Protein backbone atom coordinates (compact mmCIF):
# COMPACT_ATOMS: atom_id res chain seq x y z
CA UNK A 1 -3.68 15.72 33.20
CA UNK A 2 -4.05 13.91 29.93
CA UNK A 3 -2.26 15.19 26.77
CA UNK A 4 -4.81 15.55 24.00
CA UNK A 5 -2.17 15.36 21.33
CA UNK A 6 -0.25 12.35 22.76
CA UNK A 7 -2.76 10.60 25.13
CA UNK A 8 -1.81 7.90 27.55
CA UNK A 9 -3.05 5.00 25.39
CA UNK A 10 -0.36 6.11 22.74
CA UNK A 11 2.36 5.48 25.32
CA UNK A 12 1.01 2.55 27.27
CA UNK A 13 2.72 -0.40 25.47
CA UNK A 14 4.80 -2.41 27.85
CA UNK A 15 7.83 -2.18 25.50
CA UNK A 16 7.94 1.51 26.04
CA UNK A 17 7.86 2.01 22.30
CA UNK A 18 5.22 4.28 20.79
CA UNK A 19 3.30 2.92 17.82
CA UNK A 20 4.33 5.97 15.67
CA UNK A 21 8.00 4.99 16.11
CA UNK A 22 7.22 1.95 13.95
CA UNK A 23 4.53 3.18 11.65
CA UNK A 24 6.45 6.24 10.41
CA UNK A 25 8.55 3.71 8.55
CA UNK A 26 5.53 2.17 6.64
CA UNK A 27 3.22 3.34 3.95
CA UNK A 28 -0.18 4.72 4.88
CA UNK A 29 -2.34 1.65 4.69
CA UNK A 30 0.19 -0.62 6.52
CA UNK A 31 0.83 2.03 9.08
CA UNK A 32 -2.85 2.39 9.87
CA UNK A 33 -3.40 -1.37 10.05
CA UNK A 34 -0.54 -1.67 12.46
CA UNK A 35 -1.82 1.18 14.51
CA UNK A 36 -5.29 -0.31 14.84
CA UNK A 37 -3.86 -3.72 15.84
CA UNK A 38 -1.35 -2.14 18.26
CA UNK A 39 -4.05 -0.14 20.06
CA UNK A 40 -6.89 -2.72 19.67
CA UNK A 41 -9.19 -2.27 22.66
CA UNK A 42 -7.31 0.45 24.47
CA UNK A 43 -9.82 3.20 23.77
CA UNK A 44 -12.93 1.27 22.65
CA UNK A 45 -14.10 -1.89 21.06
CA UNK A 46 -11.24 -4.22 20.06
CA UNK A 47 -13.36 -5.86 17.40
CA UNK A 48 -13.99 -2.51 15.77
CA UNK A 49 -10.31 -1.68 15.90
CA UNK A 50 -9.46 -5.02 14.22
CA UNK A 51 -12.10 -4.38 11.48
CA UNK A 52 -10.51 -1.13 10.85
CA UNK A 53 -7.07 -2.74 10.56
CA UNK A 54 -8.63 -5.36 8.12
CA UNK A 55 -10.01 -2.39 6.05
CA UNK A 56 -6.44 -0.98 5.63
CA UNK A 57 -4.97 -4.47 4.96
CA UNK A 58 -7.58 -5.15 2.28
CA UNK A 59 -6.67 -1.70 0.63
CA UNK A 60 -2.96 -2.53 0.69
CA UNK A 61 -3.71 -5.99 -0.89
CA UNK A 62 -5.72 -4.39 -3.60
CA UNK A 63 -2.97 -1.79 -4.29
CA UNK A 64 -0.28 -4.46 -4.56
CA UNK A 65 -2.44 -6.69 -6.75
CA UNK A 66 -3.11 -3.72 -9.08
CA UNK A 67 0.60 -3.01 -9.17
CA UNK A 68 1.39 -6.64 -9.93
CA UNK A 69 -1.09 -6.60 -12.76
CA UNK A 70 0.29 -3.36 -14.15
CA UNK A 71 3.82 -4.72 -14.02
CA UNK A 72 2.77 -7.92 -15.78
CA UNK A 73 1.03 -5.89 -18.49
CA UNK A 74 4.01 -3.55 -18.86
CA UNK A 75 6.32 -6.61 -19.30
CA UNK A 76 4.08 -7.99 -22.00
CA UNK A 77 4.01 -4.55 -23.69
CA UNK A 78 7.66 -4.29 -23.54
CA UNK A 79 8.07 -7.64 -25.26
CA UNK A 80 5.45 -6.88 -27.93
CA UNK A 81 7.13 -3.52 -28.77
CA UNK A 82 10.59 -5.06 -28.79
CA UNK A 83 9.35 -7.65 -31.25
CA UNK A 84 7.90 -5.04 -33.54
CA UNK A 85 10.35 -2.17 -33.19
CA UNK A 86 13.45 -3.72 -31.90
CA UNK A 87 13.93 -1.37 -28.95
CA UNK A 88 12.64 -0.61 -25.52
CA UNK A 89 9.11 0.68 -25.09
CA UNK A 90 10.36 3.58 -22.92
CA UNK A 91 11.94 5.03 -26.04
CA UNK A 92 8.50 5.27 -27.78
CA UNK A 93 6.29 8.36 -27.43
CA UNK A 94 3.37 8.32 -25.03
CA UNK A 95 0.73 7.45 -27.61
CA UNK A 96 2.74 4.39 -28.75
CA UNK A 97 3.35 3.30 -25.14
CA UNK A 98 -0.47 3.45 -24.44
CA UNK A 99 -1.17 1.55 -27.53
CA UNK A 100 1.11 -1.33 -26.51
CA UNK A 101 -0.15 -1.32 -22.98
CA UNK A 102 -3.72 -1.65 -24.33
CA UNK A 103 -2.58 -4.39 -26.65
CA UNK A 104 -0.82 -6.24 -23.89
CA UNK A 105 -3.83 -5.99 -21.57
CA UNK A 106 -5.78 -7.57 -24.39
C-alpha cells in the first residue's frame, strides 16, 4: 500500500537518500528547484518538472540580484552619510537613513 504522505517516488533514489534530507538545509526557492530536479519525471512529465525547477531558480536569482543591488546602494549611502556627518548611517534616525538610501540610489 502506498503512503500518501511519503509516497514511493520520494524514497526511490538509488542513493537511499530522500530529497528532503538535502532540501531542509536550503532556502525555499533552492529547495524547491532541487526537489523538482531530483524527482524529474518520476510522477509526470520531466520537462514540466524541469520548468518548475527553472521557475524557482529564476526567483532565487532575482532575490539575490535585488539583495546585491540593495547592498550596493547601502554602501553608497553609508559613504555619503560618513562624508556629511562623520559617522555610521546606522546611528542616524530612520528618516535620515531613508534620505541617504534614496540619495545613493540616485
